[in-house]
Structure formats: C-alpha cells, structure tokens
Protein backbone atom coordinates (compact mmCIF):
# COMPACT_ATOMS: atom_id res chain seq x y z
CA UNK A 1 -4.01 -19.63 -14.79
CA UNK A 2 -4.02 -21.71 -11.92
CA UNK A 3 -2.83 -18.73 -9.56
CA UNK A 4 -5.82 -16.56 -11.03
CA UNK A 5 -8.03 -19.23 -9.93
CA UNK A 6 -6.19 -19.25 -6.81
CA UNK A 7 -6.94 -15.59 -6.29
CA UNK A 8 -10.63 -15.67 -6.65
CA UNK A 9 -11.33 -18.86 -4.61
CA UNK A 10 -9.32 -16.90 -1.33
CA UNK A 11 -11.59 -13.85 -2.30
CA UNK A 12 -15.02 -15.73 -2.45
CA UNK A 13 -13.97 -16.72 1.67
CA UNK A 14 -15.41 -14.76 4.36
CA UNK A 15 -13.61 -13.24 6.89
CA UNK A 16 -13.93 -14.16 10.63
CA UNK A 17 -15.30 -10.94 11.68
CA UNK A 18 -15.51 -7.23 10.82
CA UNK A 19 -14.74 -3.99 12.82
CA UNK A 20 -17.96 -1.78 13.06
CA UNK A 21 -15.56 1.44 13.36
CA UNK A 22 -12.23 0.10 11.28
CA UNK A 23 -9.07 1.84 13.30
CA UNK A 24 -6.89 4.36 11.20
CA UNK A 25 -4.58 1.37 10.33
CA UNK A 26 -7.08 -1.46 10.04
CA UNK A 27 -8.75 -0.46 6.74
CA UNK A 28 -7.11 -0.60 3.31
CA UNK A 29 -3.67 1.27 3.70
CA UNK A 30 -5.48 4.70 2.06
CA UNK A 31 -2.94 7.63 1.14
CA UNK A 32 0.31 5.72 1.47
CA UNK A 33 2.17 6.97 -1.59
CA UNK A 34 1.25 9.82 -3.95
CA UNK A 35 1.77 7.65 -6.74
CA UNK A 36 -0.97 4.87 -5.33
CA UNK A 37 -3.29 7.50 -4.38
CA UNK A 38 -3.29 9.21 -7.83
CA UNK A 39 -4.42 5.94 -9.20
CA UNK A 40 -7.43 5.52 -6.35
CA UNK A 41 -6.06 3.31 -4.13
CA UNK A 42 -5.42 0.35 -6.21
CA UNK A 43 -2.49 -0.76 -5.63
CA UNK A 44 -2.39 -4.64 -4.25
CA UNK A 45 -1.36 -5.56 -7.44
CA UNK A 46 1.24 -2.81 -8.35
CA UNK A 47 3.50 -2.64 -5.16
CA UNK A 48 6.73 -2.14 -7.11
CA UNK A 49 8.18 0.42 -4.79
CA UNK A 50 9.04 1.11 -1.29
CA UNK A 51 5.39 1.86 -0.28
CA UNK A 52 4.81 -2.07 -0.90
CA UNK A 53 5.93 -2.44 2.83
CA UNK A 54 2.32 -1.00 3.41
CA UNK A 55 0.43 -2.22 0.34
CA UNK A 56 1.64 -5.61 -0.37
CA UNK A 57 4.68 -7.02 1.42
CA UNK A 58 5.32 -9.52 -1.15
CA UNK A 59 5.71 -6.70 -3.88
CA UNK A 60 9.31 -5.83 -2.14
CA UNK A 61 10.85 -8.36 -3.90
CA UNK A 62 10.27 -6.61 -7.23
CA UNK A 63 12.84 -4.06 -6.55
CA UNK A 64 16.85 -4.76 -5.50
CA UNK A 65 18.97 -2.32 -2.95
CA UNK A 66 17.82 0.40 -0.76
CA UNK A 67 14.88 3.00 -1.58
CA UNK A 68 13.80 5.59 1.33
CA UNK A 69 10.41 6.84 0.96
CA UNK A 70 8.72 9.82 2.77
CA UNK A 71 5.40 11.76 1.89
CA UNK A 72 3.57 14.32 3.42
CA UNK A 73 0.51 16.09 3.24
CA UNK A 74 0.98 19.40 2.42
CA UNK A 75 -2.43 21.13 1.83
CA UNK A 76 -5.31 20.95 3.86
CA UNK A 77 -3.89 19.85 6.81
CA UNK A 78 -6.35 21.59 8.97
CA UNK A 79 -8.60 18.16 8.60
CA UNK A 80 -6.17 15.99 9.44
CA UNK A 81 -2.09 15.53 9.01
CA UNK A 82 -0.60 12.34 7.51
CA UNK A 83 3.18 11.63 6.75
CA UNK A 84 4.33 7.88 6.24
CA UNK A 85 7.82 7.06 5.80
CA UNK A 86 9.78 3.85 5.07
CA UNK A 87 12.91 1.91 4.17
CA UNK A 88 13.05 -1.09 1.94
CA UNK A 89 16.13 -3.28 0.97
CA UNK A 90 15.93 -5.93 -1.89
CA UNK A 91 18.31 -8.87 -2.66
CA UNK A 92 17.83 -11.47 -4.81
CA UNK A 93 14.96 -13.23 -4.24
CA UNK A 94 14.93 -11.38 -0.52
CA UNK A 95 13.69 -8.00 0.85
CA UNK A 96 12.86 -6.29 4.15
CA UNK A 97 11.13 -3.45 5.07
CA UNK A 98 10.39 -0.97 8.04
CA UNK A 99 7.99 1.66 7.96
CA UNK A 100 6.28 4.32 10.22
CA UNK A 101 2.44 5.82 9.69
CA UNK A 102 1.50 8.57 11.91
CA UNK A 103 -1.62 10.50 11.53
CA UNK A 104 -2.25 13.75 13.62
CA UNK A 105 -5.56 15.87 14.11
CA UNK A 106 -7.58 12.44 14.36
CA UNK A 107 -9.97 11.19 17.00
CA UNK A 108 -8.21 8.10 17.19
CA UNK A 109 -5.90 7.15 19.97
CA UNK A 110 -2.24 6.73 19.23
CA UNK A 111 -2.67 6.79 15.55
CA UNK A 112 1.32 5.64 15.09
CA UNK A 113 2.45 2.40 13.47
CA UNK A 114 5.68 0.50 12.70
CA UNK A 115 6.21 -1.92 10.24
CA UNK A 116 8.50 -4.72 9.63
CA UNK A 117 8.32 -6.68 6.91
CA UNK A 118 9.89 -9.96 4.95
CA UNK A 119 9.33 -10.80 1.63
CA UNK A 120 10.87 -13.75 -0.47
CA UNK A 121 10.18 -14.35 -4.16
CA UNK A 122 9.72 -18.51 -3.58
CA UNK A 123 8.91 -19.12 -7.83
CA UNK A 124 9.73 -17.24 -10.74
CA UNK A 125 6.05 -16.08 -10.49
CA UNK A 126 5.14 -15.84 -7.13
CA UNK A 127 6.26 -14.12 -4.26
CA UNK A 128 5.18 -14.35 -0.55
CA UNK A 129 5.20 -11.87 2.36
CA UNK A 130 4.13 -10.33 5.88
CA UNK A 131 4.68 -7.94 8.45
CA UNK A 132 3.79 -7.18 11.73
CA UNK A 133 2.56 -3.75 12.78
CA UNK A 134 2.91 -2.37 16.28
CA UNK A 135 0.79 0.77 17.66
CA UNK A 136 2.96 3.37 19.40
CA UNK A 137 2.02 5.43 22.50
CA UNK A 138 2.04 8.88 21.70
CA UNK A 139 4.40 11.73 23.54
CA UNK A 140 7.01 9.67 25.68
CA UNK A 141 10.74 10.93 26.14
CA UNK A 142 12.62 7.45 24.10
CA UNK A 143 11.84 5.89 20.49
CA UNK A 144 10.03 2.96 20.31
CA UNK A 145 11.41 0.02 17.85
CA UNK A 146 8.25 -1.72 17.93
CA UNK A 147 5.43 -0.74 20.43
CA UNK A 148 2.02 -2.48 21.76
CA UNK A 149 -1.21 -4.01 20.46
CA UNK A 150 0.75 -6.38 17.30
CA UNK A 151 -1.09 -6.94 14.31
CA UNK A 152 -0.15 -8.57 10.64
CA UNK A 153 -0.64 -9.13 7.25
CA UNK A 154 0.02 -12.08 5.20
CA UNK A 155 0.37 -11.18 1.52
CA UNK A 156 1.18 -13.08 -1.98
CA UNK A 157 1.96 -11.47 -5.30
CA UNK A 158 1.76 -13.73 -8.58
CA UNK A 159 2.75 -13.12 -12.01
CA UNK A 160 -0.02 -14.96 -14.03
CA UNK A 161 0.88 -13.79 -17.81
CA UNK A 162 3.77 -11.25 -19.03
CA UNK A 163 1.10 -8.58 -18.61
CA UNK A 164 -0.76 -9.25 -15.73
CA UNK A 165 -0.07 -9.36 -11.85
CA UNK A 166 -2.26 -10.34 -9.30
CA UNK A 167 -1.86 -9.57 -5.36
CA UNK A 168 -3.79 -10.81 -2.28
CA UNK A 169 -3.44 -9.30 1.30
CA UNK A 170 -5.36 -10.48 4.33
CA UNK A 171 -5.24 -8.08 7.01
CA UNK A 172 -5.62 -8.95 10.94
CA UNK A 173 -6.63 -6.17 13.58
CA UNK A 174 -4.93 -5.46 16.84
CA UNK A 175 -6.58 -7.60 19.53
CA UNK A 176 -8.37 -10.11 17.40
CA UNK A 177 -8.06 -13.73 15.86
CA UNK A 178 -7.98 -14.63 12.46
CA UNK A 179 -8.75 -12.41 9.05
CA UNK A 180 -10.48 -8.98 9.44
CA UNK A 181 -10.28 -7.94 5.73
CA UNK A 182 -9.08 -9.50 2.61
CA UNK A 183 -7.87 -7.35 -0.38
CA UNK A 184 -7.14 -8.48 -3.91
CA UNK A 185 -5.82 -6.72 -7.12
CA UNK A 186 -5.50 -7.21 -10.72
CA UNK A 187 -2.68 -5.11 -12.72
CA UNK A 188 -2.48 -4.98 -16.13
CA UNK A 189 0.49 -3.48 -18.13
CA UNK A 190 0.64 -2.67 -22.36
CA UNK A 191 3.44 -0.54 -23.37
CA UNK A 192 2.80 2.16 -21.38
CA UNK A 193 -0.05 1.56 -19.77
CA UNK A 194 -1.32 0.67 -16.86
CA UNK A 195 -4.59 -0.49 -15.32
CA UNK A 196 -5.00 -1.58 -11.46
CA UNK A 197 -8.44 -2.88 -10.01
CA UNK A 198 -8.65 -3.60 -6.09
CA UNK A 199 -11.54 -5.06 -3.96
CA UNK A 200 -12.03 -5.98 -0.61
CA UNK A 201 -13.77 -8.20 1.63
CA UNK A 202 -16.48 -8.13 3.83
CA UNK A 203 -17.13 -4.44 2.78
CA UNK A 204 -16.93 -5.14 -1.22
CA UNK A 205 -15.29 -1.70 -1.70
CA UNK A 206 -13.80 -0.97 -5.13
CA UNK A 207 -11.10 0.63 -6.27
CA UNK A 208 -9.75 1.69 -10.02
CA UNK A 209 -6.10 3.16 -11.20
CA UNK A 210 -4.90 4.36 -14.37
CA UNK A 211 -1.49 5.04 -15.48
CA UNK A 212 0.30 6.49 -18.59
CA UNK A 213 3.55 6.88 -19.05
CA UNK A 214 3.82 10.12 -21.61
CA UNK A 215 7.87 9.72 -21.70
CA UNK A 216 9.99 7.48 -19.73
CA UNK A 217 10.38 9.35 -17.22
CA UNK A 218 7.07 11.11 -16.80
CA UNK A 219 3.91 9.74 -15.56
CA UNK A 220 -0.04 10.85 -15.51
CA UNK A 221 -2.52 8.91 -13.46
CA UNK A 222 -6.10 8.92 -12.91
CA UNK A 223 -8.34 6.81 -10.32
CA UNK A 224 -11.81 6.28 -8.52
CA UNK A 225 -11.18 5.23 -4.82
CA UNK A 226 -14.58 3.61 -3.77
CA UNK A 227 -16.58 6.41 -5.51
CA UNK A 228 -13.76 9.30 -4.48
CA UNK A 229 -11.68 10.39 -7.66
CA UNK A 230 -8.16 11.11 -7.85
CA UNK A 231 -5.16 12.33 -10.17
CA UNK A 232 -1.70 12.71 -10.15
CA UNK A 233 1.72 12.78 -11.65
CA UNK A 234 5.47 11.94 -11.31
CA UNK A 235 9.10 12.06 -12.69
CA UNK A 236 11.05 9.24 -11.68
CA UNK A 237 14.67 8.39 -12.38
CA UNK A 238 17.19 5.78 -11.72
CA UNK A 239 18.37 7.82 -8.57
CA UNK A 240 15.11 9.26 -7.42
CA UNK A 241 11.03 9.00 -8.13
CA UNK A 242 8.70 12.19 -7.26
CA UNK A 243 4.84 11.80 -6.86
CA UNK A 244 2.23 14.46 -6.45
CA UNK A 245 -1.73 13.84 -6.37
CA UNK A 246 -4.69 14.90 -5.43
CA UNK A 247 -7.91 13.19 -4.02
CA UNK A 248 -11.45 14.09 -3.26
CA UNK A 249 -12.21 13.05 -0.04
CA UNK A 250 -15.53 12.75 1.61
CA UNK A 251 -14.92 16.10 4.09
CA UNK A 252 -11.90 17.90 2.37
CA UNK A 253 -9.71 18.08 -0.64
CA UNK A 254 -6.14 16.64 0.10
CA UNK A 255 -3.34 17.21 -1.90
CA UNK A 256 -0.06 14.85 -1.15
CA UNK A 257 3.55 14.92 -2.51
CA UNK A 258 5.77 11.95 -1.95
CA UNK A 259 9.84 11.29 -2.85
CA UNK A 260 11.66 7.92 -3.21
CA UNK A 261 15.38 7.82 -2.85
CA UNK A 262 17.06 4.84 -4.70
CA UNK A 263 20.59 3.89 -4.19
C-alpha cells in the first residue's frame, strides 16, 4: 500500500514546464507496439515486452533473454508512416534496451530517435529504469549510434498487490531542464482479463485498455486513448508474438502490425 501512496504523491506534483507544441517524441509514446495501441496506449504499468524500453524502461526487468521487436503502420501511410523497432536483453535483475523510432511524412524536423535504456530490479516488488534519447539527423551517409539534442526518461514499476502493478514515468524534453511530462499507470489482472489505466500531467489525458485472453495464445483488446477508440488482437507463443491494432485518430484511421521474436 505504501508504494501506491508514493505513486499518488508523485502524480500530484506539478511539472516544471509544458511544451506548447509537443514534439513527436515529447508526448506519451503513442503508437509503439500494436498490443499497446490496441489497449488505448494505456501501457505504463503493463510494459512486459520489448516495447517497455519506450513506454516504461523499468518494465524491461519483467522478461529474460533476448527480444527483438519491429512494427509497421501498414495502412494509410499517406498521412504519416511510423516504424519503431528495438532489442531488449534481460538477465536476472538487470535489463538493457536499444530502440529506434522514426516517423515519415510529418512536418517535424528529424523525427528520428535512438533510445538506450537500463533497468534494475532493486526489490522483489520494485524495479527502476531510465533511458537516454538522442535525436538523429536525416539523410546522412553514416549510421548514427547516438545523435544530438539528448533527453531522458526516469521510470519505476511496482507490484503493489499480487494482481496489481503501478508504474510511473517522468519525461524530460530535449533542450529543457527538469521534467515536462509525468505519466502514471495502474494495471489489474484477474485470471484471463487485464485492465490498464494511464493518466499524464500537466495535460491530464486519460487512457484505458482491456485485454481478454480467449485461449492461452490468443488475445483480443479494446482501448480508448484520450477519447480515441482502438481495438486489436494478438497471437503469442514462447518464440514469437504477432499483434494487430486499429486506432481511430483525429484525421485518419490507422492500422498497425508488430512482431516480437523471443530468443
């Protein structure tokens, strides 16, 4: 219960400043992973796959071994294209992650970011993590392992009850000091049903997600991302997970597919 009180206290804090026109990277990490999209982007306290490096790096400690993730927006790329990818490695109570997010067709300069994440489980019920994010220049003749305009995320994941997890992520924007966005989430699992809820400050957006496991390897999902409906489905085994999601955005209807290979 004391962990839940800590989460509520952190969410009550005001952030140091707010961006008037949040960049592609600066906001909640929307649309990363078809499972998260199908659950309405309510993923801060779930984050139990390779996409945790984007959503909540503390969640990387929930899985062991190597996971390779890739995603594609395969329908309606005329509005924009979005193809994140990443690799995570977990060993005992430590985890590492590299990821890349790139958006095409936007009016944002160099909407291309590399993530480097580290996570550590400091207690049987608490994990902490963080990442450093670098913006990359477009159209150069060499690979950029890092980039420019670094920023960071700080994260925590807590198991407050055998069925309940709580997560919190504090995001820094490049070129600014302090924390600009604070996102908190709760996930509740009961048998084959998963419910998740996220909210963020200072904008006070709300994200809801549901996942129902029909049989051990097949899932259906429904979500609402700040009044935008989404749904999805997925199949998983010990070696692979394949997920599909649809979300009704403001100007377009987008379809995504993602694959995670587990080694």
